[in-house]
Amino acid sequence: MTASRNLIVFSALNGAMAIGLGAFAAHGAGPQVKTLLSTGAHYQLSHAVFAFACALWTSGGNLARLAGWLGAAGGLIFCLALALVALLSLSAMGAVAPVGGLLMIAGWLCLAFAAFRS
């Protein structure tokens, strides 16, 4: 598999997970966890689309793919951290969520740099 194809597969799985988590938040979660799950699903889904776009941007080169991986990994980490806080009351995972946020920000900055260079 090529690097772009791997990123597309990862972003598609992220998107599927985000939809499932968002649906659970809307229809099966209690009111106290609904906000955390919805927020995590939102960021995960938006960064799955971000990663997909980065994988398709062939003229962006390795830097665009790196941006996609950073965004997708950050979205997954952020979402999982919020889900663990919400569903299992693992409050320590609240300290992990900012790591995902930083990766997402790094992905966007990397994409901006890739666009500037091309």
PDB file of N, CA and C in Angstrom:
ATOM      1  N   MET A   1       0.831  -1.182   0.000  1.00  0.00           N
ATOM      2  CA  MET A   1       0.000   0.000   0.000  1.00  0.00           C
ATOM      3  C   MET A   1       0.879   1.250   0.000  1.00  0.00           C
ATOM      4  N   THR A   2       0.458   2.236  -0.735  1.00  0.00           N
ATOM      5  CA  THR A   2       1.208   3.482  -0.761  1.00  0.00           C
ATOM      6  C   THR A   2       0.904   4.301   0.498  1.00  0.00           C
ATOM      7  N   ALA A   3       1.755   5.304   0.724  1.00  0.00           N
ATOM      8  CA  ALA A   3       1.559   6.158   1.897  1.00  0.00           C
ATOM      9  C   ALA A   3       0.208   6.869   1.842  1.00  0.00           C
ATOM     10  N   SER A   4      -0.177   7.323   0.659  1.00  0.00           N
ATOM     11  CA  SER A   4      -1.461   8.008   0.524  1.00  0.00           C
ATOM     12  C   SER A   4      -2.625   7.053   0.770  1.00  0.00           C
ATOM     13  N   ARG A   5      -2.505   5.837   0.275  1.00  0.00           N
ATOM     14  CA  ARG A   5      -3.580   4.862   0.474  1.00  0.00           C
ATOM     15  C   ARG A   5      -3.723   4.523   1.961  1.00  0.00           C
ATOM     16  N   ASN A   6      -2.601   4.372   2.660  1.00  0.00           N
ATOM     17  CA  ASN A   6      -2.656   4.112   4.100  1.00  0.00           C
ATOM     18  C   ASN A   6      -3.375   5.243   4.828  1.00  0.00           C
ATOM     19  N   LEU A   7      -3.074   6.462   4.443  1.00  0.00           N
ATOM     20  CA  LEU A   7      -3.711   7.616   5.069  1.00  0.00           C
ATOM     21  C   LEU A   7      -5.204   7.652   4.761  1.00  0.00           C
ATOM     22  N   ILE A   8      -5.587   7.290   3.547  1.00  0.00           N
ATOM     23  CA  ILE A   8      -7.006   7.249   3.193  1.00  0.00           C
ATOM     24  C   ILE A   8      -7.727   6.180   4.016  1.00  0.00           C
ATOM     25  N   VAL A   9      -7.122   5.007   4.157  1.00  0.00           N
ATOM     26  CA  VAL A   9      -7.731   3.944   4.964  1.00  0.00           C
ATOM     27  C   VAL A   9      -7.885   4.402   6.414  1.00  0.00           C
ATOM     28  N   PHE A  10      -6.841   5.000   6.967  1.00  0.00           N
ATOM     29  CA  PHE A  10      -6.878   5.473   8.354  1.00  0.00           C
ATOM     30  C   PHE A  10      -7.948   6.552   8.527  1.00  0.00           C
ATOM     31  N   SER A  11      -8.035   7.457   7.567  1.00  0.00           N
ATOM     32  CA  SER A  11      -9.032   8.522   7.690  1.00  0.00           C
ATOM     33  C   SER A  11     -10.445   7.961   7.541  1.00  0.00           C
ATOM     34  N   ALA A  12     -10.625   6.959   6.688  1.00  0.00           N
ATOM     35  CA  ALA A  12     -11.947   6.348   6.540  1.00  0.00           C
ATOM     36  C   ALA A  12     -12.371   5.635   7.822  1.00  0.00           C
ATOM     37  N   LEU A  13     -11.443   4.931   8.452  1.00  0.00           N
ATOM     38  CA  LEU A  13     -11.757   4.260   9.722  1.00  0.00           C
ATOM     39  C   LEU A  13     -12.049   5.281  10.819  1.00  0.00           C
ATOM     40  N   ASN A  14     -11.292   6.375  10.826  1.00  0.00           N
ATOM     41  CA  ASN A  14     -11.567   7.461  11.767  1.00  0.00           C
ATOM     42  C   ASN A  14     -12.965   8.025  11.553  1.00  0.00           C
ATOM     43  N   GLY A  15     -13.328   8.233  10.287  1.00  0.00           N
ATOM     44  CA  GLY A  15     -14.650   8.761   9.972  1.00  0.00           C
ATOM     45  C   GLY A  15     -15.751   7.825  10.427  1.00  0.00           C
ATOM     46  N   ALA A  16     -15.579   6.534  10.179  1.00  0.00           N
ATOM     47  CA  ALA A  16     -16.579   5.551  10.605  1.00  0.00           C
ATOM     48  C   ALA A  16     -16.731   5.537  12.125  1.00  0.00           C
ATOM     49  N   MET A  17     -15.605   5.593  12.823  1.00  0.00           N
ATOM     50  CA  MET A  17     -15.656   5.607  14.286  1.00  0.00           C
ATOM     51  C   MET A  17     -16.353   6.869  14.792  1.00  0.00           C
ATOM     52  N   ALA A  18     -16.055   7.993  14.163  1.00  0.00           N
ATOM     53  CA  ALA A  18     -16.664   9.255  14.583  1.00  0.00           C
ATOM     54  C   ALA A  18     -18.172   9.233  14.396  1.00  0.00           C
ATOM     55  N   ILE A  19     -18.633   8.674  13.286  1.00  0.00           N
ATOM     56  CA  ILE A  19     -20.077   8.590  13.045  1.00  0.00           C
ATOM     57  C   ILE A  19     -20.733   7.699  14.093  1.00  0.00           C
ATOM     58  N   GLY A  20     -20.114   6.565  14.378  1.00  0.00           N
ATOM     59  CA  GLY A  20     -20.663   5.670  15.404  1.00  0.00           C
ATOM     60  C   GLY A  20     -20.714   6.322  16.771  1.00  0.00           C
ATOM     61  N   LEU A  21     -19.648   7.000  17.136  1.00  0.00           N
ATOM     62  CA  LEU A  21     -19.612   7.662  18.440  1.00  0.00           C
ATOM     63  C   LEU A  21     -20.607   8.814  18.499  1.00  0.00           C
ATOM     64  N   GLY A  22     -20.712   9.550  17.413  1.00  0.00           N
ATOM     65  CA  GLY A  22     -21.682  10.646  17.373  1.00  0.00           C
ATOM     66  C   GLY A  22     -23.113  10.141  17.469  1.00  0.00           C
ATOM     67  N   ALA A  23     -23.387   9.021  16.813  1.00  0.00           N
ATOM     68  CA  ALA A  23     -24.729   8.432  16.889  1.00  0.00           C
ATOM     69  C   ALA A  23     -25.030   7.957  18.305  1.00  0.00           C
ATOM     70  N   PHE A  24     -24.042   7.347  18.942  1.00  0.00           N
ATOM     71  CA  PHE A  24     -24.236   6.920  20.331  1.00  0.00           C
ATOM     72  C   PHE A  24     -24.477   8.124  21.233  1.00  0.00           C
ATOM     73  N   ALA A  25     -23.714   9.187  21.001  1.00  0.00           N
ATOM     74  CA  ALA A  25     -23.894  10.399  21.802  1.00  0.00           C
ATOM     75  C   ALA A  25     -25.292  10.962  21.630  1.00  0.00           C
ATOM     76  N   ALA A  26     -25.814  10.917  20.409  1.00  0.00           N
ATOM     77  CA  ALA A  26     -27.133  11.489  20.138  1.00  0.00           C
ATOM     78  C   ALA A  26     -28.281  10.619  20.634  1.00  0.00           C
ATOM     79  N   HIS A  27     -28.091   9.299  20.628  1.00  0.00           N
ATOM     80  CA  HIS A  27     -29.224   8.417  20.894  1.00  0.00           C
ATOM     81  C   HIS A  27     -29.087   7.511  22.111  1.00  0.00           C
ATOM     82  N   GLY A  28     -27.874   7.314  22.626  1.00  0.00           N
ATOM     83  CA  GLY A  28     -27.743   6.352  23.705  1.00  0.00           C
ATOM     84  C   GLY A  28     -27.033   6.853  24.942  1.00  0.00           C
ATOM     85  N   ALA A  29     -26.424   7.998  24.847  1.00  0.00           N
ATOM     86  CA  ALA A  29     -25.630   8.497  25.970  1.00  0.00           C
ATOM     87  C   ALA A  29     -26.485   9.349  26.898  1.00  0.00           C
ATOM     88  N   GLY A  30     -26.122   9.298  28.142  1.00  0.00           N
ATOM     89  CA  GLY A  30     -26.774  10.163  29.119  1.00  0.00           C
ATOM     90  C   GLY A  30     -26.353  11.604  28.911  1.00  0.00           C
ATOM     91  N   PRO A  31     -27.117  12.515  29.496  1.00  0.00           N
ATOM     92  CA  PRO A  31     -26.846  13.939  29.261  1.00  0.00           C
ATOM     93  C   PRO A  31     -25.468  14.399  29.736  1.00  0.00           C
ATOM     94  N   GLN A  32     -24.915  13.735  30.755  1.00  0.00           N
ATOM     95  CA  GLN A  32     -23.624  14.180  31.276  1.00  0.00           C
ATOM     96  C   GLN A  32     -22.464  13.833  30.350  1.00  0.00           C
ATOM     97  N   VAL A  33     -22.593  12.774  29.583  1.00  0.00           N
ATOM     98  CA  VAL A  33     -21.500  12.381  28.703  1.00  0.00           C
ATOM     99  C   VAL A  33     -21.719  12.804  27.252  1.00  0.00           C
ATOM    100  N   LYS A  34     -22.922  13.206  26.936  1.00  0.00           N
ATOM    101  CA  LYS A  34     -23.285  13.553  25.562  1.00  0.00           C
ATOM    102  C   LYS A  34     -22.383  14.643  24.982  1.00  0.00           C
ATOM    103  N   THR A  35     -22.109  15.672  25.746  1.00  0.00           N
ATOM    104  CA  THR A  35     -21.301  16.788  25.247  1.00  0.00           C
ATOM    105  C   THR A  35     -19.880  16.350  24.938  1.00  0.00           C
ATOM    106  N   LEU A  36     -19.273  15.582  25.841  1.00  0.00           N
ATOM    107  CA  LEU A  36     -17.904  15.122  25.603  1.00  0.00           C
ATOM    108  C   LEU A  36     -17.829  14.225  24.372  1.00  0.00           C
ATOM    109  N   LEU A  37     -18.764  13.298  24.252  1.00  0.00           N
ATOM    110  CA  LEU A  37     -18.760  12.393  23.104  1.00  0.00           C
ATOM    111  C   LEU A  37     -19.018  13.140  21.803  1.00  0.00           C
ATOM    112  N   SER A  38     -19.951  14.066  21.827  1.00  0.00           N
ATOM    113  CA  SER A  38     -20.257  14.847  20.621  1.00  0.00           C
ATOM    114  C   SER A  38     -19.065  15.696  20.193  1.00  0.00           C
ATOM    115  N   THR A  39     -18.406  16.315  21.150  1.00  0.00           N
ATOM    116  CA  THR A  39     -17.232  17.135  20.838  1.00  0.00           C
ATOM    117  C   THR A  39     -16.126  16.277  20.248  1.00  0.00           C
ATOM    118  N   GLY A  40     -15.849  15.137  20.874  1.00  0.00           N
ATOM    119  CA  GLY A  40     -14.812  14.239  20.355  1.00  0.00           C
ATOM    120  C   GLY A  40     -15.136  13.754  18.958  1.00  0.00           C
ATOM    121  N   ALA A  41     -16.382  13.354  18.728  1.00  0.00           N
ATOM    122  CA  ALA A  41     -16.785  12.863  17.414  1.00  0.00           C
ATOM    123  C   ALA A  41     -16.670  13.963  16.359  1.00  0.00           C
ATOM    124  N   HIS A  42     -17.025  15.181  16.731  1.00  0.00           N
ATOM    125  CA  HIS A  42     -16.937  16.311  15.796  1.00  0.00           C
ATOM    126  C   HIS A  42     -15.494  16.522  15.330  1.00  0.00           C
ATOM    127  N   TYR A  43     -14.582  16.589  16.274  1.00  0.00           N
ATOM    128  CA  TYR A  43     -13.181  16.819  15.911  1.00  0.00           C
ATOM    129  C   TYR A  43     -12.594  15.630  15.160  1.00  0.00           C
ATOM    130  N   GLN A  44     -12.959  14.427  15.552  1.00  0.00           N
ATOM    131  CA  GLN A  44     -12.444  13.263  14.855  1.00  0.00           C
ATOM    132  C   GLN A  44     -12.941  13.226  13.411  1.00  0.00           C
ATOM    133  N   LEU A  45     -14.219  13.490  13.206  1.00  0.00           N
ATOM    134  CA  LEU A  45     -14.765  13.460  11.855  1.00  0.00           C
ATOM    135  C   LEU A  45     -14.165  14.565  10.986  1.00  0.00           C
ATOM    136  N   SER A  46     -14.056  15.763  11.525  1.00  0.00           N
ATOM    137  CA  SER A  46     -13.512  16.853  10.712  1.00  0.00           C
ATOM    138  C   SER A  46     -12.051  16.587  10.342  1.00  0.00           C
ATOM    139  N   HIS A  47     -11.307  15.935  11.223  1.00  0.00           N
ATOM    140  CA  HIS A  47      -9.907  15.662  10.905  1.00  0.00           C
ATOM    141  C   HIS A  47      -9.744  14.395  10.068  1.00  0.00           C
ATOM    142  N   ALA A  48     -10.754  13.547  10.035  1.00  0.00           N
ATOM    143  CA  ALA A  48     -10.748  12.437   9.073  1.00  0.00           C
ATOM    144  C   ALA A  48     -10.884  13.001   7.655  1.00  0.00           C
ATOM    145  N   VAL A  49     -11.764  13.975   7.496  1.00  0.00           N
ATOM    146  CA  VAL A  49     -11.926  14.623   6.191  1.00  0.00           C
ATOM    147  C   VAL A  49     -10.653  15.392   5.825  1.00  0.00           C
ATOM    148  N   PHE A  50     -10.078  16.068   6.788  1.00  0.00           N
ATOM    149  CA  PHE A  50      -8.819  16.793   6.604  1.00  0.00           C
ATOM    150  C   PHE A  50      -7.734  15.838   6.087  1.00  0.00           C
ATOM    151  N   ALA A  51      -7.598  14.689   6.746  1.00  0.00           N
ATOM    152  CA  ALA A  51      -6.570  13.718   6.363  1.00  0.00           C
ATOM    153  C   ALA A  51      -6.831  13.179   4.958  1.00  0.00           C
ATOM    154  N   PHE A  52      -8.095  12.924   4.647  1.00  0.00           N
ATOM    155  CA  PHE A  52      -8.461  12.439   3.324  1.00  0.00           C
ATOM    156  C   PHE A  52      -8.053  13.452   2.256  1.00  0.00           C
ATOM    157  N   ALA A  53      -8.334  14.713   2.498  1.00  0.00           N
ATOM    158  CA  ALA A  53      -7.965  15.762   1.542  1.00  0.00           C
ATOM    159  C   ALA A  53      -6.447  15.855   1.398  1.00  0.00           C
ATOM    160  N   CYS A  54      -5.735  15.737   2.495  1.00  0.00           N
ATOM    161  CA  CYS A  54      -4.267  15.781   2.434  1.00  0.00           C
ATOM    162  C   CYS A  54      -3.721  14.608   1.621  1.00  0.00           C
ATOM    163  N   ALA A  55      -4.332  13.436   1.778  1.00  0.00           N
ATOM    164  CA  ALA A  55      -3.887  12.259   1.028  1.00  0.00           C
ATOM    165  C   ALA A  55      -4.125  12.429  -0.464  1.00  0.00           C
ATOM    166  N   LEU A  56      -5.179  13.128  -0.835  1.00  0.00           N
ATOM    167  CA  LEU A  56      -5.501  13.314  -2.248  1.00  0.00           C
ATOM    168  C   LEU A  56      -4.707  14.434  -2.909  1.00  0.00           C
ATOM    169  N   TRP A  57      -4.138  15.328  -2.111  1.00  0.00           N
ATOM    170  CA  TRP A  57      -3.395  16.456  -2.660  1.00  0.00           C
ATOM    171  C   TRP A  57      -1.987  15.997  -3.050  1.00  0.00           C
ATOM    172  N   THR A  58      -1.862  15.506  -4.258  1.00  0.00           N
ATOM    173  CA  THR A  58      -0.601  14.908  -4.694  1.00  0.00           C
ATOM    174  C   THR A  58       0.523  15.926  -4.822  1.00  0.00           C
ATOM    175  N   SER A  59       0.228  17.151  -5.215  1.00  0.00           N
ATOM    176  CA  SER A  59       1.302  18.137  -5.363  1.00  0.00           C
ATOM    177  C   SER A  59       1.803  18.654  -4.017  1.00  0.00           C
ATOM    178  N   GLY A  60       1.119  18.305  -2.936  1.00  0.00           N
ATOM    179  CA  GLY A  60       1.582  18.702  -1.605  1.00  0.00           C
ATOM    180  C   GLY A  60       2.735  17.861  -1.103  1.00  0.00           C
ATOM    181  N   GLY A  61       2.929  16.688  -1.726  1.00  0.00           N
ATOM    182  CA  GLY A  61       4.056  15.831  -1.388  1.00  0.00           C
ATOM    183  C   GLY A  61       3.990  15.262   0.022  1.00  0.00           C
ATOM    184  N   ASN A  62       5.159  14.915   0.507  1.00  0.00           N
ATOM    185  CA  ASN A  62       5.273  14.291   1.830  1.00  0.00           C
ATOM    186  C   ASN A  62       4.786  15.199   2.948  1.00  0.00           C
ATOM    187  N   LEU A  63       4.962  16.482   2.770  1.00  0.00           N
ATOM    188  CA  LEU A  63       4.545  17.431   3.805  1.00  0.00           C
ATOM    189  C   LEU A  63       3.030  17.439   3.972  1.00  0.00           C
ATOM    190  N   ALA A  64       2.312  17.336   2.879  1.00  0.00           N
ATOM    191  CA  ALA A  64       0.845  17.276   2.957  1.00  0.00           C
ATOM    192  C   ALA A  64       0.401  15.973   3.613  1.00  0.00           C
ATOM    193  N   ARG A  65       1.064  14.870   3.265  1.00  0.00           N
ATOM    194  CA  ARG A  65       0.718  13.592   3.908  1.00  0.00           C
ATOM    195  C   ARG A  65       1.034  13.632   5.398  1.00  0.00           C
ATOM    196  N   LEU A  66       2.159  14.240   5.758  1.00  0.00           N
ATOM    197  CA  LEU A  66       2.489  14.392   7.174  1.00  0.00           C
ATOM    198  C   LEU A  66       1.408  15.194   7.879  1.00  0.00           C
ATOM    199  N   ALA A  67       0.940  16.259   7.246  1.00  0.00           N
ATOM    200  CA  ALA A  67      -0.139  17.069   7.817  1.00  0.00           C
ATOM    201  C   ALA A  67      -1.375  16.212   8.052  1.00  0.00           C
ATOM    202  N   GLY A  68      -1.699  15.368   7.072  1.00  0.00           N
ATOM    203  CA  GLY A  68      -2.852  14.476   7.205  1.00  0.00           C
ATOM    204  C   GLY A  68      -2.704  13.506   8.356  1.00  0.00           C
ATOM    205  N   TRP A  69      -1.525  12.905   8.481  1.00  0.00           N
ATOM    206  CA  TRP A  69      -1.295  11.968   9.586  1.00  0.00           C
ATOM    207  C   TRP A  69      -1.369  12.673  10.938  1.00  0.00           C
ATOM    208  N   LEU A  70      -0.800  13.863  11.021  1.00  0.00           N
ATOM    209  CA  LEU A  70      -0.862  14.616  12.278  1.00  0.00           C
ATOM    210  C   LEU A  70      -2.305  14.933  12.647  1.00  0.00           C
ATOM    211  N   GLY A  71      -3.073  15.402  11.675  1.00  0.00           N
ATOM    212  CA  GLY A  71      -4.466  15.744  11.931  1.00  0.00           C
ATOM    213  C   GLY A  71      -5.297  14.533  12.312  1.00  0.00           C
ATOM    214  N   ALA A  72      -5.137  13.439  11.563  1.00  0.00           N
ATOM    215  CA  ALA A  72      -5.932  12.236  11.836  1.00  0.00           C
ATOM    216  C   ALA A  72      -5.561  11.612  13.173  1.00  0.00           C
ATOM    217  N   ALA A  73      -4.276  11.538  13.456  1.00  0.00           N
ATOM    218  CA  ALA A  73      -3.842  10.976  14.743  1.00  0.00           C
ATOM    219  C   ALA A  73      -4.299  11.865  15.895  1.00  0.00           C
ATOM    220  N   GLY A  74      -4.183  13.167  15.706  1.00  0.00           N
ATOM    221  CA  GLY A  74      -4.636  14.092  16.739  1.00  0.00           C
ATOM    222  C   GLY A  74      -6.126  13.982  16.990  1.00  0.00           C
ATOM    223  N   GLY A  75      -6.901  13.881  15.921  1.00  0.00           N
ATOM    224  CA  GLY A  75      -8.353  13.719  16.070  1.00  0.00           C
ATOM    225  C   GLY A  75      -8.708  12.447  16.808  1.00  0.00           C
ATOM    226  N   LEU A  76      -8.009  11.357  16.490  1.00  0.00           N
ATOM    227  CA  LEU A  76      -8.269  10.082  17.157  1.00  0.00           C
ATOM    228  C   LEU A  76      -7.901  10.149  18.634  1.00  0.00           C
ATOM    229  N   ILE A  77      -6.721  10.676  18.938  1.00  0.00           N
ATOM    230  CA  ILE A  77      -6.284  10.772  20.332  1.00  0.00           C
ATOM    231  C   ILE A  77      -7.227  11.664  21.141  1.00  0.00           C
ATOM    232  N   PHE A  78      -7.589  12.807  20.572  1.00  0.00           N
ATOM    233  CA  PHE A  78      -8.497  13.732  21.254  1.00  0.00           C
ATOM    234  C   PHE A  78      -9.838  13.063  21.530  1.00  0.00           C
ATOM    235  N   CYS A  79     -10.392  12.418  20.513  1.00  0.00           N
ATOM    236  CA  CYS A  79     -11.689  11.773  20.643  1.00  0.00           C
ATOM    237  C   CYS A  79     -11.648  10.636  21.661  1.00  0.00           C
ATOM    238  N   LEU A  80     -10.631   9.789  21.577  1.00  0.00           N
ATOM    239  CA  LEU A  80     -10.526   8.669  22.521  1.00  0.00           C
ATOM    240  C   LEU A  80     -10.360   9.163  23.951  1.00  0.00           C
ATOM    241  N   ALA A  81      -9.572  10.208  24.136  1.00  0.00           N
ATOM    242  CA  ALA A  81      -9.381  10.745  25.484  1.00  0.00           C
ATOM    243  C   ALA A  81     -10.706  11.237  26.058  1.00  0.00           C
ATOM    244  N   LEU A  82     -11.461  11.986  25.271  1.00  0.00           N
ATOM    245  CA  LEU A  82     -12.763  12.474  25.753  1.00  0.00           C
ATOM    246  C   LEU A  82     -13.736  11.327  25.998  1.00  0.00           C
ATOM    247  N   ALA A  83     -13.712  10.315  25.134  1.00  0.00           N
ATOM    248  CA  ALA A  83     -14.606   9.167  25.306  1.00  0.00           C
ATOM    249  C   ALA A  83     -14.266   8.402  26.584  1.00  0.00           C
ATOM    250  N   LEU A  84     -12.993   8.240  26.880  1.00  0.00           N
ATOM    251  CA  LEU A  84     -12.602   7.537  28.104  1.00  0.00           C
ATOM    252  C   LEU A  84     -12.973   8.324  29.353  1.00  0.00           C
ATOM    253  N   VAL A  85     -12.867   9.635  29.268  1.00  0.00           N
ATOM    254  CA  VAL A  85     -13.325  10.471  30.385  1.00  0.00           C
ATOM    255  C   VAL A  85     -14.831  10.314  30.568  1.00  0.00           C
ATOM    256  N   ALA A  86     -15.560  10.367  29.465  1.00  0.00           N
ATOM    257  CA  ALA A  86     -17.022  10.339  29.527  1.00  0.00           C
ATOM    258  C   ALA A  86     -17.564   8.972  29.922  1.00  0.00           C
ATOM    259  N   LEU A  87     -17.053   7.926  29.294  1.00  0.00           N
ATOM    260  CA  LEU A  87     -17.652   6.603  29.468  1.00  0.00           C
ATOM    261  C   LEU A  87     -17.105   5.815  30.655  1.00  0.00           C
ATOM    262  N   LEU A  88     -15.820   6.001  30.952  1.00  0.00           N
ATOM    263  CA  LEU A  88     -15.201   5.222  32.025  1.00  0.00           C
ATOM    264  C   LEU A  88     -14.778   6.067  33.220  1.00  0.00           C
ATOM    265  N   SER A  89     -15.088   7.343  33.170  1.00  0.00           N
ATOM    266  CA  SER A  89     -14.716   8.280  34.236  1.00  0.00           C
ATOM    267  C   SER A  89     -13.220   8.276  34.521  1.00  0.00           C
ATOM    268  N   LEU A  90     -12.436   8.107  33.483  1.00  0.00           N
ATOM    269  CA  LEU A  90     -10.973   8.156  33.629  1.00  0.00           C
ATOM    270  C   LEU A  90     -10.516   9.597  33.493  1.00  0.00           C
ATOM    271  N   SER A  91     -10.614  10.332  34.574  1.00  0.00           N
ATOM    272  CA  SER A  91     -10.322  11.765  34.512  1.00  0.00           C
ATOM    273  C   SER A  91      -8.878  12.049  34.124  1.00  0.00           C
ATOM    274  N   ALA A  92      -7.967  11.114  34.353  1.00  0.00           N
ATOM    275  CA  ALA A  92      -6.573  11.319  33.967  1.00  0.00           C
ATOM    276  C   ALA A  92      -6.419  11.464  32.458  1.00  0.00           C
ATOM    277  N   MET A  93      -7.365  10.916  31.701  1.00  0.00           N
ATOM    278  CA  MET A  93      -7.299  11.029  30.248  1.00  0.00           C
ATOM    279  C   MET A  93      -7.568  12.460  29.785  1.00  0.00           C
ATOM    280  N   GLY A  94      -8.108  13.273  30.681  1.00  0.00           N
ATOM    281  CA  GLY A  94      -8.284  14.681  30.358  1.00  0.00           C
ATOM    282  C   GLY A  94      -6.957  15.363  30.070  1.00  0.00           C
ATOM    283  N   ALA A  95      -5.879  14.829  30.636  1.00  0.00           N
ATOM    284  CA  ALA A  95      -4.547  15.376  30.379  1.00  0.00           C
ATOM    285  C   ALA A  95      -4.004  14.928  29.023  1.00  0.00           C
ATOM    286  N   VAL A  96      -4.590  13.903  28.432  1.00  0.00           N
ATOM    287  CA  VAL A  96      -4.147  13.400  27.132  1.00  0.00           C
ATOM    288  C   VAL A  96      -4.816  14.163  25.983  1.00  0.00           C
ATOM    289  N   ALA A  97      -6.022  14.642  26.208  1.00  0.00           N
ATOM    290  CA  ALA A  97      -6.763  15.355  25.163  1.00  0.00           C
ATOM    291  C   ALA A  97      -5.968  16.511  24.547  1.00  0.00           C
ATOM    292  N   PRO A  98      -5.246  17.324  25.327  1.00  0.00           N
ATOM    293  CA  PRO A  98      -4.477  18.410  24.708  1.00  0.00           C
ATOM    294  C   PRO A  98      -3.377  17.924  23.764  1.00  0.00           C
ATOM    295  N   VAL A  99      -2.879  16.711  23.975  1.00  0.00           N
ATOM    296  CA  VAL A  99      -1.885  16.156  23.050  1.00  0.00           C
ATOM    297  C   VAL A  99      -2.527  16.002  21.670  1.00  0.00           C
ATOM    298  N   GLY A 100      -3.741  15.468  21.656  1.00  0.00           N
ATOM    299  CA  GLY A 100      -4.470  15.359  20.395  1.00  0.00           C
ATOM    300  C   GLY A 100      -4.713  16.720  19.770  1.00  0.00           C
ATOM    301  N   GLY A 101      -5.068  17.690  20.601  1.00  0.00           N
ATOM    302  CA  GLY A 101      -5.282  19.049  20.111  1.00  0.00           C
ATOM    303  C   GLY A 101      -4.029  19.645  19.498  1.00  0.00           C
ATOM    304  N   LEU A 102      -2.898  19.433  20.143  1.00  0.00           N
ATOM    305  CA  LEU A 102      -1.636  19.945  19.602  1.00  0.00           C
ATOM    306  C   LEU A 102      -1.282  19.280  18.275  1.00  0.00           C
ATOM    307  N   LEU A 103      -1.560  17.978  18.162  1.00  0.00           N
ATOM    308  CA  LEU A 103      -1.302  17.290  16.891  1.00  0.00           C
ATOM    309  C   LEU A 103      -2.198  17.833  15.783  1.00  0.00           C
ATOM    310  N   MET A 104      -3.454  18.116  16.107  1.00  0.00           N
ATOM    311  CA  MET A 104      -4.351  18.681  15.099  1.00  0.00           C
ATOM    312  C   MET A 104      -3.858  20.050  14.641  1.00  0.00           C
ATOM    313  N   ILE A 105      -3.455  20.884  15.584  1.00  0.00           N
ATOM    314  CA  ILE A 105      -2.925  22.209  15.244  1.00  0.00           C
ATOM    315  C   ILE A 105      -1.667  22.068  14.394  1.00  0.00           C
ATOM    316  N   ALA A 106      -0.792  21.138  14.778  1.00  0.00           N
ATOM    317  CA  ALA A 106       0.437  20.910  14.007  1.00  0.00           C
ATOM    318  C   ALA A 106       0.111  20.467  12.590  1.00  0.00           C
ATOM    319  N   GLY A 107      -0.922  19.666  12.434  1.00  0.00           N
ATOM    320  CA  GLY A 107      -1.336  19.236  11.104  1.00  0.00           C
ATOM    321  C   GLY A 107      -1.754  20.409  10.238  1.00  0.00           C
ATOM    322  N   TRP A 108      -2.537  21.295  10.795  1.00  0.00           N
ATOM    323  CA  TRP A 108      -2.978  22.472  10.030  1.00  0.00           C
ATOM    324  C   TRP A 108      -1.797  23.369   9.683  1.00  0.00           C
ATOM    325  N   LEU A 109      -0.878  23.563  10.620  1.00  0.00           N
ATOM    326  CA  LEU A 109       0.294  24.392  10.338  1.00  0.00           C
ATOM    327  C   LEU A 109       1.188  23.740   9.286  1.00  0.00           C
ATOM    328  N   CYS A 110       1.316  22.431   9.360  1.00  0.00           N
ATOM    329  CA  CYS A 110       2.098  21.690   8.370  1.00  0.00           C
ATOM    330  C   CYS A 110       1.461  21.823   6.987  1.00  0.00           C
ATOM    331  N   LEU A 111       0.144  21.760   6.926  1.00  0.00           N
ATOM    332  CA  LEU A 111      -0.555  21.931   5.654  1.00  0.00           C
ATOM    333  C   LEU A 111      -0.331  23.345   5.106  1.00  0.00           C
ATOM    334  N   ALA A 112      -0.389  24.328   5.974  1.00  0.00           N
ATOM    335  CA  ALA A 112      -0.147  25.707   5.537  1.00  0.00           C
ATOM    336  C   ALA A 112       1.273  25.835   4.972  1.00  0.00           C
ATOM    337  N   PHE A 113       2.226  25.206   5.632  1.00  0.00           N
ATOM    338  CA  PHE A 113       3.606  25.257   5.156  1.00  0.00           C
ATOM    339  C   PHE A 113       3.750  24.538   3.817  1.00  0.00           C
ATOM    340  N   ALA A 114       3.070  23.403   3.663  1.00  0.00           N
ATOM    341  CA  ALA A 114       3.104  22.668   2.398  1.00  0.00           C
ATOM    342  C   ALA A 114       2.521  23.518   1.270  1.00  0.00           C
ATOM    343  N   ALA A 115       1.443  24.206   1.557  1.00  0.00           N
ATOM    344  CA  ALA A 115       0.822  25.061   0.545  1.00  0.00           C
ATOM    345  C   ALA A 115       1.719  26.241   0.195  1.00  0.00           C
ATOM    346  N   PHE A 116       2.370  26.792   1.209  1.00  0.00           N
ATOM    347  CA  PHE A 116       3.279  27.917   0.983  1.00  0.00           C
ATOM    348  C   PHE A 116       4.449  27.495   0.111  1.00  0.00           C
ATOM    349  N   ARG A 117       4.962  26.296   0.331  1.00  0.00           N
ATOM    350  CA  ARG A 117       6.127  25.798  -0.415  1.00  0.00           C
ATOM    351  C   ARG A 117       5.789  25.395  -1.846  1.00  0.00           C
ATOM    352  N   SER A 118       4.548  24.972  -2.086  1.00  0.00           N
ATOM    353  CA  SER A 118       4.261  24.442  -3.433  1.00  0.00           C
ATOM    354  C   SER A 118       3.955  25.531  -4.440  1.00  0.00           C
TER     355      SER A 118
END
